[in-house]
C-alpha atoms as a PDB file:
ATOM      1  CA  UNK A   1      46.155   0.422  -3.569  1.00  0.00           C
ATOM      2  CA  UNK A   2      43.200   2.382  -2.231  1.00  0.00           C
ATOM      3  CA  UNK A   3      43.703   6.035  -1.447  1.00  0.00           C
ATOM      4  CA  UNK A   4      41.909   7.603   1.527  1.00  0.00           C
ATOM      5  CA  UNK A   5      38.780   5.962   2.883  1.00  0.00           C
ATOM      6  CA  UNK A   6      38.122   4.808   6.407  1.00  0.00           C
ATOM      7  CA  UNK A   7      36.542   7.170   8.861  1.00  0.00           C
ATOM      8  CA  UNK A   8      38.811  10.065   8.018  1.00  0.00           C
ATOM      9  CA  UNK A   9      37.264  12.654   5.739  1.00  0.00           C
ATOM     10  CA  UNK A  10      38.803  13.724   2.499  1.00  0.00           C
ATOM     11  CA  UNK A  11      40.021  17.358   2.727  1.00  0.00           C
ATOM     12  CA  UNK A  12      38.904  17.916  -0.861  1.00  0.00           C
ATOM     13  CA  UNK A  13      35.323  17.024   0.158  1.00  0.00           C
ATOM     14  CA  UNK A  14      35.347  19.591   2.954  1.00  0.00           C
ATOM     15  CA  UNK A  15      36.658  22.243   0.566  1.00  0.00           C
ATOM     16  CA  UNK A  16      33.887  21.397  -1.901  1.00  0.00           C
ATOM     17  CA  UNK A  17      31.262  21.599   0.868  1.00  0.00           C
ATOM     18  CA  UNK A  18      32.423  25.073   1.858  1.00  0.00           C
ATOM     19  CA  UNK A  19      32.095  26.462  -1.681  1.00  0.00           C
ATOM     20  CA  UNK A  20      28.382  27.114  -1.055  1.00  0.00           C
ATOM     21  CA  UNK A  21      29.179  29.323   1.945  1.00  0.00           C
ATOM     22  CA  UNK A  22      32.878  29.789   2.724  1.00  0.00           C
ATOM     23  CA  UNK A  23      32.110  31.542   6.033  1.00  0.00           C
ATOM     24  CA  UNK A  24      29.801  28.845   7.380  1.00  0.00           C
ATOM     25  CA  UNK A  25      30.187  27.616  10.928  1.00  0.00           C
ATOM     26  CA  UNK A  26      28.371  24.359  10.121  1.00  0.00           C
ATOM     27  CA  UNK A  27      30.811  21.500  10.309  1.00  0.00           C
ATOM     28  CA  UNK A  28      30.852  18.117   8.643  1.00  0.00           C
ATOM     29  CA  UNK A  29      30.524  16.628  12.145  1.00  0.00           C
ATOM     30  CA  UNK A  30      27.214  18.486  12.666  1.00  0.00           C
ATOM     31  CA  UNK A  31      25.870  17.313   9.318  1.00  0.00           C
ATOM     32  CA  UNK A  32      26.798  13.730  10.173  1.00  0.00           C
ATOM     33  CA  UNK A  33      25.081  14.043  13.548  1.00  0.00           C
ATOM     34  CA  UNK A  34      21.758  15.233  12.069  1.00  0.00           C
ATOM     35  CA  UNK A  35      21.962  12.392   9.545  1.00  0.00           C
ATOM     36  CA  UNK A  36      22.578   9.826  12.300  1.00  0.00           C
ATOM     37  CA  UNK A  37      19.678  11.265  14.343  1.00  0.00           C
ATOM     38  CA  UNK A  38      17.372  10.664  11.366  1.00  0.00           C
ATOM     39  CA  UNK A  39      16.543  14.332  10.886  1.00  0.00           C
ATOM     40  CA  UNK A  40      17.513  14.173   7.200  1.00  0.00           C
ATOM     41  CA  UNK A  41      16.370  11.302   4.943  1.00  0.00           C
ATOM     42  CA  UNK A  42      19.099   8.979   3.672  1.00  0.00           C
ATOM     43  CA  UNK A  43      19.400   6.079   1.275  1.00  0.00           C
ATOM     44  CA  UNK A  44      21.748   3.309   2.323  1.00  0.00           C
ATOM     45  CA  UNK A  45      24.124   1.787  -0.201  1.00  0.00           C
ATOM     46  CA  UNK A  46      26.101  -0.909   1.567  1.00  0.00           C
ATOM     47  CA  UNK A  47      27.766   0.754   4.529  1.00  0.00           C
ATOM     48  CA  UNK A  48      27.411   4.243   3.085  1.00  0.00           C
ATOM     49  CA  UNK A  49      24.563   6.677   3.565  1.00  0.00           C
ATOM     50  CA  UNK A  50      23.640   8.761   0.530  1.00  0.00           C
ATOM     51  CA  UNK A  51      22.173  12.161   1.340  1.00  0.00           C
ATOM     52  CA  UNK A  52      20.401  14.670  -0.876  1.00  0.00           C
ATOM     53  CA  UNK A  53      22.193  17.987  -0.333  1.00  0.00           C
ATOM     54  CA  UNK A  54      18.968  19.875  -1.047  1.00  0.00           C
ATOM     55  CA  UNK A  55      17.289  18.072   1.882  1.00  0.00           C
ATOM     56  CA  UNK A  56      20.167  19.023   4.183  1.00  0.00           C
ATOM     57  CA  UNK A  57      19.920  22.660   3.097  1.00  0.00           C
ATOM     58  CA  UNK A  58      16.128  22.605   3.621  1.00  0.00           C
ATOM     59  CA  UNK A  59      16.617  21.240   7.134  1.00  0.00           C
ATOM     60  CA  UNK A  60      19.194  23.895   7.951  1.00  0.00           C
ATOM     61  CA  UNK A  61      16.950  26.657   6.578  1.00  0.00           C
ATOM     62  CA  UNK A  62      13.859  25.659   8.570  1.00  0.00           C
ATOM     63  CA  UNK A  63      15.669  24.713  11.753  1.00  0.00           C
ATOM     64  CA  UNK A  64      14.813  21.893  14.098  1.00  0.00           C
ATOM     65  CA  UNK A  65      11.018  21.882  14.323  1.00  0.00           C
ATOM     66  CA  UNK A  66      11.044  18.846  16.621  1.00  0.00           C
ATOM     67  CA  UNK A  67      13.116  20.593  19.246  1.00  0.00           C
ATOM     68  CA  UNK A  68      10.921  21.909  22.027  1.00  0.00           C
ATOM     69  CA  UNK A  69      12.185  24.703  24.192  1.00  0.00           C
ATOM     70  CA  UNK A  70      10.901  24.555  27.719  1.00  0.00           C
ATOM     71  CA  UNK A  71       9.739  27.812  29.146  1.00  0.00           C
ATOM     72  CA  UNK A  72       9.565  28.456  32.825  1.00  0.00           C
ATOM     73  CA  UNK A  73       6.605  29.712  34.757  1.00  0.00           C
ATOM     74  CA  UNK A  74       6.459  33.170  36.219  1.00  0.00           C
ATOM     75  CA  UNK A  75       6.115  32.859  39.949  1.00  0.00           C
ATOM     76  CA  UNK A  76       5.719  35.271  42.759  1.00  0.00           C
ATOM     77  CA  UNK A  77       8.931  36.325  44.453  1.00  0.00           C
ATOM     78  CA  UNK A  78       8.686  36.484  48.232  1.00  0.00           C
ATOM     79  CA  UNK A  79       9.691  39.859  49.713  1.00  0.00           C
END
């Protein structure tokens, strides 16, 4: 009989992920979303995606360089 699996995460994995920074606000859901958006390189093995933790940490450290923040123009306010 297989234990765990499916789409539900293993609580032990989440505990292991938080050992690097126990006070982090970064969730497993966020990490999965940046992986699915292609912002972190992956290697597929069947239905699984293998991710280099160092690449994830690099991405988190540098931030999202692709994200452009629109700035508004300064315009004259009518009196």
